[in-house]
């Protein structure tokens, strides 16, 4: 009997160490990989182990069983509708890319059902503090970070764009944006004045990252506030307009507006889409073209805008295989929406996004948990919006960070709450 207890205790200790290792490694993967010269595929290896852990747990846990079933249903569906890619991409590449597309199920399921919310909250707090500390250091020592991560120095308004401990401006901006939603909307006890102060601080941090996409956080939060109270929406909108206007009395805000306007114009200009200098616009334009030509299923996994699509016949078909973007692999993965639409067509992209929303809503209510509806609404909408200009579902750091923060905001209660204002159900 004692031997069995000792074995269980050792197993629990091992499991705790493994969970913490996974959480911290995936949170700082780029830094750890560069610092210790590790192979880049370790995140996929951990993803396989996490999936195996969920499968093992599914034998004794109904929630894990549902997650595993959902995963394989999605996997089989995306694999089957990729039949057009079998002949020229091969089964292996198709399977690998479907595996990458479904990272969110594994990460969210593992963190919610095995790592648990208390552990995720503990790790998230540490990750956020470390991020802010290195972000501040980066602002004073900009070139040192670029040298360490071997990243090209990017300038905006004579200001070196920070990359932080994440080693990339986009991922730094993403974690600040997603953390902003956590601090603004996950705590229902936060009064309006405190919330306004937090919003201003978060806005300031996002502006410092120079990542325009991160600013979508605030319209999303305002949508929720508008739903509840037009007065609150109006007051906060006026305050932020005044704040941004006062901050923007320099070239920085003018440049952000000009760049955004130019990107939109290049995206919607159909005269010579292949000659555009805006790769996201190119990928979005041709994703619609492919989805229309192969209605309703697309070109199949590993064929367009994904990490396993190198040298795909599709690029030659649309006349972009000799473009510098595709030769240098520069920015062709940046729009997750474009990759999903191109590879799976209208049917596949509707299925994918719908499943993502339903899965997130369901997972936040398992095992007697409650989550602030404003937080769930904002997080899901942020991911959908971000997916247009970022590979949020394919990029391990981004989807894992989402899963970490999403689960960290959940709270355990002894009995399922009946108050509809504080549950996801």
Protein backbone atom coordinates (compact mmCIF):
# COMPACT_ATOMS: atom_id res chain seq x y z
CA UNK A 1 0.00 0.00 0.00
CA UNK A 2 2.80 2.40 0.93
CA UNK A 3 4.61 1.43 -2.24
CA UNK A 4 1.57 2.36 -4.31
CA UNK A 5 1.26 5.69 -2.48
CA UNK A 6 4.93 6.43 -3.01
CA UNK A 7 4.58 5.62 -6.70
CA UNK A 8 1.57 7.94 -7.00
CA UNK A 9 3.41 10.74 -5.20
CA UNK A 10 6.47 10.35 -7.46
CA UNK A 11 4.21 10.34 -10.52
CA UNK A 12 2.41 13.51 -9.36
CA UNK A 13 5.75 15.22 -8.71
CA UNK A 14 7.06 14.19 -12.12
CA UNK A 15 3.85 15.38 -13.76
CA UNK A 16 4.11 18.77 -12.00
CA UNK A 17 7.71 19.23 -13.14
CA UNK A 18 6.82 18.27 -16.70
CA UNK A 19 3.85 20.65 -16.76
CA UNK A 20 5.99 23.52 -15.48
CA UNK A 21 8.74 22.66 -17.96
CA UNK A 22 6.26 22.71 -20.85
CA UNK A 23 4.70 25.98 -19.75
CA UNK A 24 7.97 27.84 -19.21
CA UNK A 25 9.69 26.39 -22.27
CA UNK A 26 6.84 27.25 -24.63
CA UNK A 27 6.51 30.71 -23.06
CA UNK A 28 10.18 31.49 -23.72
CA UNK A 29 10.87 29.08 -26.56
CA UNK A 30 12.65 31.52 -28.87
CA UNK A 31 14.96 32.79 -26.14
CA UNK A 32 15.77 29.30 -24.80
CA UNK A 33 16.30 27.89 -28.29
CA UNK A 34 18.72 30.67 -29.26
CA UNK A 35 20.53 30.75 -25.89
CA UNK A 36 21.17 26.99 -25.80
CA UNK A 37 21.28 26.36 -29.57
CA UNK A 38 18.40 23.87 -29.41
CA UNK A 39 16.51 22.45 -32.41
CA UNK A 40 13.43 24.42 -33.44
CA UNK A 41 11.10 21.41 -33.57
CA UNK A 42 10.96 20.87 -29.80
CA UNK A 43 7.59 22.60 -29.57
CA UNK A 44 6.09 20.03 -31.96
CA UNK A 45 7.61 17.24 -29.84
CA UNK A 46 5.99 18.71 -26.73
CA UNK A 47 2.71 19.02 -28.62
CA UNK A 48 2.82 15.29 -29.37
CA UNK A 49 3.50 14.50 -25.69
CA UNK A 50 0.65 16.76 -24.59
CA UNK A 51 -1.70 15.00 -27.01
CA UNK A 52 -0.57 11.62 -25.68
CA UNK A 53 -1.21 12.85 -22.12
CA UNK A 54 -4.74 13.89 -23.06
CA UNK A 55 -5.36 10.50 -24.71
CA UNK A 56 -4.10 8.70 -21.60
CA UNK A 57 -6.27 10.87 -19.34
CA UNK A 58 -9.30 10.32 -21.56
CA UNK A 59 -9.58 6.72 -20.30
CA UNK A 60 -10.65 8.01 -16.89
CA UNK A 61 -11.90 11.56 -17.59
CA UNK A 62 -14.94 12.42 -19.72
CA UNK A 63 -13.81 15.98 -20.46
CA UNK A 64 -10.48 14.75 -21.80
CA UNK A 65 -12.33 12.13 -23.83
CA UNK A 66 -14.45 14.85 -25.47
CA UNK A 67 -11.35 16.92 -26.26
CA UNK A 68 -9.59 13.93 -27.82
CA UNK A 69 -12.67 13.01 -29.86
CA UNK A 70 -13.02 16.61 -31.03
CA UNK A 71 -9.35 16.67 -32.02
CA UNK A 72 -9.54 13.54 -34.16
CA UNK A 73 -12.83 14.56 -35.76
CA UNK A 74 -11.24 17.87 -36.82
CA UNK A 75 -8.06 16.12 -37.90
CA UNK A 76 -9.88 13.60 -40.08
CA UNK A 77 -12.13 16.30 -41.58
CA UNK A 78 -9.24 18.61 -42.54
CA UNK A 79 -7.25 15.67 -43.86
CA UNK A 80 -10.11 14.39 -46.01
CA UNK A 81 -10.92 17.76 -47.57
CA UNK A 82 -7.22 18.08 -48.49
CA UNK A 83 -7.53 15.22 -51.02
CA UNK A 84 -6.43 17.49 -53.88
CA UNK A 85 -3.01 17.92 -52.22
CA UNK A 86 -2.27 14.19 -51.83
CA UNK A 87 -0.84 13.71 -55.32
CA UNK A 88 1.63 16.60 -55.39
CA UNK A 89 2.35 17.20 -51.67
CA UNK A 90 2.22 13.67 -50.28
CA UNK A 91 0.37 12.29 -47.27
CA UNK A 92 3.19 13.11 -44.86
CA UNK A 93 3.21 16.87 -45.51
CA UNK A 94 -0.59 17.04 -45.43
CA UNK A 95 -0.70 15.23 -42.08
CA UNK A 96 2.05 17.42 -40.64
CA UNK A 97 0.28 20.61 -41.67
CA UNK A 98 -3.08 19.49 -40.28
CA UNK A 99 -1.25 18.68 -37.05
CA UNK A 100 0.09 22.25 -37.00
CA UNK A 101 -3.32 23.75 -37.75
CA UNK A 102 -4.83 22.00 -34.72
CA UNK A 103 -2.33 23.14 -32.10
CA UNK A 104 -5.02 25.14 -30.33
CA UNK A 105 -7.03 22.05 -29.36
CA UNK A 106 -4.00 20.36 -27.81
CA UNK A 107 -2.69 23.42 -25.97
CA UNK A 108 -6.03 24.63 -24.62
CA UNK A 109 -7.14 21.11 -23.72
CA UNK A 110 -3.87 20.23 -21.99
CA UNK A 111 -3.66 23.45 -20.00
CA UNK A 112 -7.33 23.35 -18.95
CA UNK A 113 -7.53 19.66 -18.03
CA UNK A 114 -4.01 18.71 -16.95
CA UNK A 115 -2.03 21.85 -16.06
CA UNK A 116 -5.11 23.51 -14.44
CA UNK A 117 -5.95 27.17 -13.98
CA UNK A 118 -3.89 27.83 -10.81
CA UNK A 119 -0.68 26.66 -12.48
CA UNK A 120 -1.42 28.65 -15.64
CA UNK A 121 -2.08 31.81 -13.61
CA UNK A 122 1.19 31.35 -11.69
CA UNK A 123 3.19 30.92 -14.91
CA UNK A 124 1.40 33.75 -16.70
CA UNK A 125 2.23 36.23 -13.93
CA UNK A 126 5.91 35.30 -14.14
CA UNK A 127 5.90 35.47 -17.95
CA UNK A 128 4.24 38.89 -17.90
CA UNK A 129 6.70 40.33 -15.36
CA UNK A 130 9.70 38.95 -17.28
CA UNK A 131 8.25 40.31 -20.54
CA UNK A 132 7.81 43.81 -19.12
CA UNK A 133 11.28 43.84 -17.55
CA UNK A 134 13.02 42.82 -20.79
CA UNK A 135 10.74 45.12 -22.79
CA UNK A 136 11.95 48.04 -20.67
CA UNK A 137 15.59 46.97 -21.06
CA UNK A 138 15.08 46.63 -24.81
CA UNK A 139 13.84 50.22 -25.04
CA UNK A 140 17.13 51.43 -23.57
CA UNK A 141 19.35 48.84 -25.31
CA UNK A 142 17.60 48.24 -28.66
CA UNK A 143 20.46 46.91 -30.78
CA UNK A 144 21.65 44.33 -28.23
CA UNK A 145 18.45 42.30 -28.49
CA UNK A 146 18.57 42.25 -32.27
CA UNK A 147 22.15 41.03 -32.19
CA UNK A 148 21.34 38.26 -29.69
CA UNK A 149 18.40 36.95 -31.71
CA UNK A 150 20.11 37.69 -35.05
CA UNK A 151 17.13 39.80 -36.13
CA UNK A 152 17.20 42.57 -38.67
CA UNK A 153 16.84 46.03 -37.10
CA UNK A 154 13.49 47.58 -38.01
CA UNK A 155 12.95 51.34 -37.76
CA UNK A 156 9.67 53.20 -37.37
CA UNK A 157 9.68 57.00 -36.99
CA UNK A 158 13.43 56.94 -36.21
CA UNK A 159 12.63 54.50 -33.40
CA UNK A 160 14.11 50.98 -33.29
CA UNK A 161 11.19 48.60 -33.03
CA UNK A 162 11.58 46.54 -29.82
CA UNK A 163 11.56 42.74 -29.91
CA UNK A 164 11.82 41.96 -26.20
CA UNK A 165 12.67 38.55 -24.79
CA UNK A 166 10.32 37.09 -27.40
CA UNK A 167 12.83 38.05 -30.10
CA UNK A 168 10.20 39.45 -32.47
CA UNK A 169 8.19 42.67 -32.54
CA UNK A 170 4.99 40.91 -33.57
CA UNK A 171 5.03 38.35 -30.76
CA UNK A 172 5.99 41.01 -28.22
CA UNK A 173 3.01 43.09 -29.30
CA UNK A 174 0.78 40.02 -29.19
CA UNK A 175 1.56 39.12 -25.58
CA UNK A 176 1.07 42.75 -24.49
CA UNK A 177 -2.27 42.88 -26.30
CA UNK A 178 -3.54 39.61 -24.89
CA UNK A 179 -2.32 40.51 -21.38
CA UNK A 180 -4.18 43.80 -21.70
CA UNK A 181 -7.44 41.93 -22.18
CA UNK A 182 -6.69 39.80 -19.14
CA UNK A 183 -6.04 42.75 -16.83
CA UNK A 184 -8.92 44.83 -18.20
CA UNK A 185 -11.71 42.29 -18.52
CA UNK A 186 -11.08 39.16 -16.43
CA UNK A 187 -11.85 40.81 -13.07
CA UNK A 188 -15.51 41.83 -12.68
CA UNK A 189 -14.69 43.63 -9.42
CA UNK A 190 -12.62 46.25 -11.25
CA UNK A 191 -14.46 49.57 -11.00
CA UNK A 192 -14.78 51.95 -13.96
CA UNK A 193 -12.05 54.37 -12.82
CA UNK A 194 -9.58 51.54 -12.21
CA UNK A 195 -10.49 49.99 -15.56
CA UNK A 196 -9.88 53.30 -17.34
CA UNK A 197 -6.44 53.61 -15.71
CA UNK A 198 -5.55 50.06 -16.76
CA UNK A 199 -6.78 50.76 -20.31
CA UNK A 200 -4.56 53.86 -20.54
CA UNK A 201 -1.52 51.93 -19.27
CA UNK A 202 -2.16 49.08 -21.70
CA UNK A 203 -2.64 51.51 -24.59
CA UNK A 204 0.69 53.12 -23.74
CA UNK A 205 2.47 49.75 -23.69
CA UNK A 206 0.98 48.65 -27.01
CA UNK A 207 1.98 51.93 -28.65
CA UNK A 208 5.53 51.40 -27.40
CA UNK A 209 5.66 47.99 -29.10
CA UNK A 210 4.87 49.77 -32.44
CA UNK A 211 2.52 46.86 -33.30
CA UNK A 212 -0.60 48.33 -34.91
CA UNK A 213 -2.60 45.09 -34.74
CA UNK A 214 -2.46 45.18 -30.94
CA UNK A 215 -4.61 48.31 -30.95
CA UNK A 216 -7.60 46.18 -32.00
CA UNK A 217 -7.90 45.28 -28.31
CA UNK A 218 -9.66 48.55 -27.52
CA UNK A 219 -12.41 48.52 -30.17
CA UNK A 220 -13.15 44.94 -29.08
CA UNK A 221 -13.46 45.95 -25.43
CA UNK A 222 -15.61 48.91 -26.44
CA UNK A 223 -17.95 46.58 -28.33
CA UNK A 224 -18.62 44.79 -25.05
CA UNK A 225 -19.04 48.05 -23.16
CA UNK A 226 -21.44 49.30 -25.84
CA UNK A 227 -23.50 46.15 -25.36
CA UNK A 228 -23.85 46.91 -21.66
CA UNK A 229 -23.94 50.70 -21.51
CA UNK A 230 -23.80 53.35 -24.22
CA UNK A 231 -22.79 55.92 -21.60
CA UNK A 232 -19.67 53.96 -20.61
CA UNK A 233 -18.81 53.36 -24.23
CA UNK A 234 -19.11 57.07 -25.06
CA UNK A 235 -17.08 58.25 -22.06
CA UNK A 236 -14.22 55.79 -22.64
CA UNK A 237 -14.19 56.47 -26.38
CA UNK A 238 -13.92 60.23 -25.85
CA UNK A 239 -11.18 59.79 -23.23
CA UNK A 240 -9.11 57.52 -25.47
CA UNK A 241 -9.54 59.77 -28.52
CA UNK A 242 -8.28 62.71 -26.46
CA UNK A 243 -5.40 60.59 -25.14
CA UNK A 244 -4.35 59.23 -28.54
CA UNK A 245 -4.66 62.68 -30.10
CA UNK A 246 -2.41 64.18 -27.44
CA UNK A 247 0.12 61.38 -27.82
CA UNK A 248 -0.11 61.60 -31.58
CA UNK A 249 1.08 65.18 -31.97
CA UNK A 250 4.23 63.83 -33.58
CA UNK A 251 5.29 61.84 -36.63
CA UNK A 252 4.82 58.48 -34.92
CA UNK A 253 1.01 58.39 -34.99
CA UNK A 254 0.94 59.98 -38.43
CA UNK A 255 3.18 57.23 -39.74
CA UNK A 256 1.03 54.50 -38.17
CA UNK A 257 -2.03 55.93 -39.91
CA UNK A 258 -0.22 56.31 -43.25
CA UNK A 259 1.18 52.76 -43.16
CA UNK A 260 -2.22 51.30 -42.30
CA UNK A 261 -3.94 53.24 -45.07
CA UNK A 262 -1.29 52.17 -47.58
CA UNK A 263 -1.58 48.49 -46.56
CA UNK A 264 -5.35 48.55 -47.00
CA UNK A 265 -5.05 50.17 -50.43
CA UNK A 266 -2.50 47.59 -51.59
CA UNK A 267 -4.67 44.75 -50.28
CA UNK A 268 -7.84 45.78 -52.10
CA UNK A 269 -6.11 46.94 -55.32
CA UNK A 270 -6.75 44.13 -57.79
CA UNK A 271 -4.93 45.67 -60.78
CA UNK A 272 -1.58 44.00 -60.16
CA UNK A 273 -1.83 42.10 -56.85
CA UNK A 274 1.29 40.06 -57.49
CA UNK A 275 3.40 43.22 -57.83
CA UNK A 276 2.36 44.62 -54.46
CA UNK A 277 5.03 45.23 -51.83
CA UNK A 278 2.61 44.18 -49.08
CA UNK A 279 2.86 40.40 -48.73
CA UNK A 280 -0.16 40.05 -46.44
CA UNK A 281 -2.27 41.75 -49.08
CA UNK A 282 -0.90 39.40 -51.74
CA UNK A 283 -1.70 36.32 -49.63
CA UNK A 284 -5.21 37.49 -48.78
CA UNK A 285 -6.01 38.39 -52.40
CA UNK A 286 -4.89 35.05 -53.84
CA UNK A 287 -6.52 33.08 -51.00
CA UNK A 288 -9.90 34.38 -52.20
CA UNK A 289 -8.95 33.61 -55.78
CA UNK A 290 -8.05 30.01 -54.90
CA UNK A 291 -11.16 29.60 -52.72
CA UNK A 292 -13.33 30.80 -55.62
CA UNK A 293 -11.64 28.62 -58.23
CA UNK A 294 -11.80 25.51 -56.03
CA UNK A 295 -15.08 26.24 -54.33
CA UNK A 296 -15.84 25.18 -51.65
CA UNK A 297 -12.79 23.19 -50.43
CA UNK A 298 -9.58 25.02 -51.40
CA UNK A 299 -6.22 23.54 -52.39
CA UNK A 300 -5.57 21.30 -49.39
CA UNK A 301 -3.24 21.35 -46.38
CA UNK A 302 0.47 22.15 -46.96
CA UNK A 303 -0.20 23.96 -50.25
CA UNK A 304 -0.65 27.67 -49.47
CA UNK A 305 0.66 30.14 -46.89
CA UNK A 306 1.73 27.51 -44.37
CA UNK A 307 5.07 26.30 -43.02
CA UNK A 308 4.79 23.02 -44.94
CA UNK A 309 3.89 24.69 -48.24
CA UNK A 310 7.46 25.31 -49.43
CA UNK A 311 7.79 24.80 -53.20
CA UNK A 312 4.08 24.13 -53.55
CA UNK A 313 2.72 23.82 -57.08
CA UNK A 314 0.06 26.33 -56.14
CA UNK A 315 2.60 29.17 -56.02
CA UNK A 316 3.66 28.40 -59.57
CA UNK A 317 0.02 28.20 -60.63
CA UNK A 318 -0.72 31.73 -59.43
CA UNK A 319 2.59 33.02 -60.81
CA UNK A 320 4.29 33.88 -57.53
CA UNK A 321 6.92 31.14 -57.24
CA UNK A 322 9.68 33.53 -58.37
CA UNK A 323 8.56 36.38 -56.11
CA UNK A 324 11.21 37.44 -53.59
CA UNK A 325 8.71 36.86 -50.76
CA UNK A 326 8.37 33.18 -51.69
CA UNK A 327 12.05 32.69 -52.43
CA UNK A 328 13.07 34.23 -49.09
CA UNK A 329 10.06 32.83 -47.16
CA UNK A 330 9.40 36.39 -46.05
CA UNK A 331 5.94 37.06 -44.64
CA UNK A 332 4.02 34.42 -46.59
CA UNK A 333 2.85 32.81 -43.32
CA UNK A 334 1.73 36.07 -41.71
CA UNK A 335 -2.00 35.82 -42.44
CA UNK A 336 -3.55 32.76 -40.84
CA UNK A 337 -6.90 33.64 -42.37
CA UNK A 338 -5.34 33.63 -45.85
CA UNK A 339 -3.67 30.25 -45.29
CA UNK A 340 -6.87 28.66 -43.96
CA UNK A 341 -9.03 30.11 -46.75
CA UNK A 342 -6.57 29.11 -49.45
CA UNK A 343 -6.01 25.58 -48.16
CA UNK A 344 -9.52 24.67 -47.00
CA UNK A 345 -11.79 27.01 -48.94
CA UNK A 346 -14.97 28.63 -47.68
CA UNK A 347 -16.32 25.42 -46.15
CA UNK A 348 -13.10 24.66 -44.31
CA UNK A 349 -12.51 28.18 -42.98
CA UNK A 350 -16.09 28.42 -41.69
CA UNK A 351 -15.71 25.03 -40.01
CA UNK A 352 -12.35 25.96 -38.49
CA UNK A 353 -13.36 29.31 -37.02
CA UNK A 354 -16.73 28.02 -35.80
CA UNK A 355 -15.10 25.09 -34.05
CA UNK A 356 -12.50 27.38 -32.46
CA UNK A 357 -15.20 29.62 -30.97
CA UNK A 358 -17.37 26.73 -29.75
CA UNK A 359 -14.39 24.88 -28.29
CA UNK A 360 -13.18 27.93 -26.35
CA UNK A 361 -16.65 28.64 -24.96
CA UNK A 362 -17.14 25.03 -23.87
CA UNK A 363 -13.69 24.55 -22.33
CA UNK A 364 -14.09 27.49 -19.96
CA UNK A 365 -17.02 25.84 -18.18
CA UNK A 366 -15.65 22.33 -17.55
CA UNK A 367 -14.93 21.08 -14.04
CA UNK A 368 -17.05 23.75 -12.31
CA UNK A 369 -15.22 26.74 -13.72
CA UNK A 370 -16.49 30.25 -14.33
CA UNK A 371 -15.01 32.92 -16.56
CA UNK A 372 -16.02 36.56 -17.08
CA UNK A 373 -18.04 36.76 -20.34
CA UNK A 374 -16.33 40.04 -21.28
CA UNK A 375 -12.98 38.28 -21.14
CA UNK A 376 -14.13 35.31 -23.24
CA UNK A 377 -15.77 37.58 -25.82
CA UNK A 378 -12.69 39.83 -26.08
CA UNK A 379 -10.15 36.99 -26.24
CA UNK A 380 -11.96 35.10 -28.96
CA UNK A 381 -12.60 38.21 -31.04
CA UNK A 382 -8.95 39.26 -30.62
CA UNK A 383 -7.76 35.93 -32.02
CA UNK A 384 -10.15 36.11 -34.96
CA UNK A 385 -9.07 39.67 -35.74
CA UNK A 386 -5.38 38.92 -35.23
CA UNK A 387 -5.55 35.92 -37.55
CA UNK A 388 -5.95 38.25 -40.55
CA UNK A 389 -2.45 39.68 -40.10
CA UNK A 390 -0.73 37.08 -37.90
CA UNK A 391 -0.22 33.28 -37.93
CA UNK A 392 -1.87 33.01 -34.50
CA UNK A 393 -3.05 29.41 -34.91
CA UNK A 394 0.17 28.12 -36.50
CA UNK A 395 2.70 30.05 -34.44
CA UNK A 396 3.41 28.07 -31.27
CA UNK A 397 4.16 31.07 -29.09
CA UNK A 398 1.01 32.94 -30.05
CA UNK A 399 -1.47 30.08 -29.74
CA UNK A 400 0.20 28.80 -26.58
CA UNK A 401 0.12 32.29 -25.02
CA UNK A 402 -3.56 32.51 -25.86
CA UNK A 403 -4.19 29.13 -24.22
CA UNK A 404 -2.14 30.10 -21.15
CA UNK A 405 -3.96 33.39 -20.56
CA UNK A 406 -7.35 31.92 -21.48
CA UNK A 407 -7.06 29.15 -18.89
CA UNK A 408 -5.39 31.42 -16.31
CA UNK A 409 -8.50 33.62 -16.21
CA UNK A 410 -10.76 30.70 -15.32
CA UNK A 411 -11.75 30.27 -11.71
CA UNK A 412 -12.80 27.09 -9.94
CA UNK A 413 -16.01 27.06 -7.91
CA UNK A 414 -17.37 24.29 -5.74
CA UNK A 415 -20.76 24.37 -7.45
CA UNK A 416 -21.61 25.50 -10.93
CA UNK A 417 -22.79 29.10 -10.72
CA UNK A 418 -26.28 30.01 -11.83
CA UNK A 419 -25.58 33.68 -12.53
CA UNK A 420 -25.47 34.00 -16.31
CA UNK A 421 -23.46 37.21 -16.03
CA UNK A 422 -20.34 35.39 -14.86
CA UNK A 423 -20.37 32.13 -16.79
CA UNK A 424 -19.54 31.14 -20.32
CA UNK A 425 -22.45 28.80 -20.63
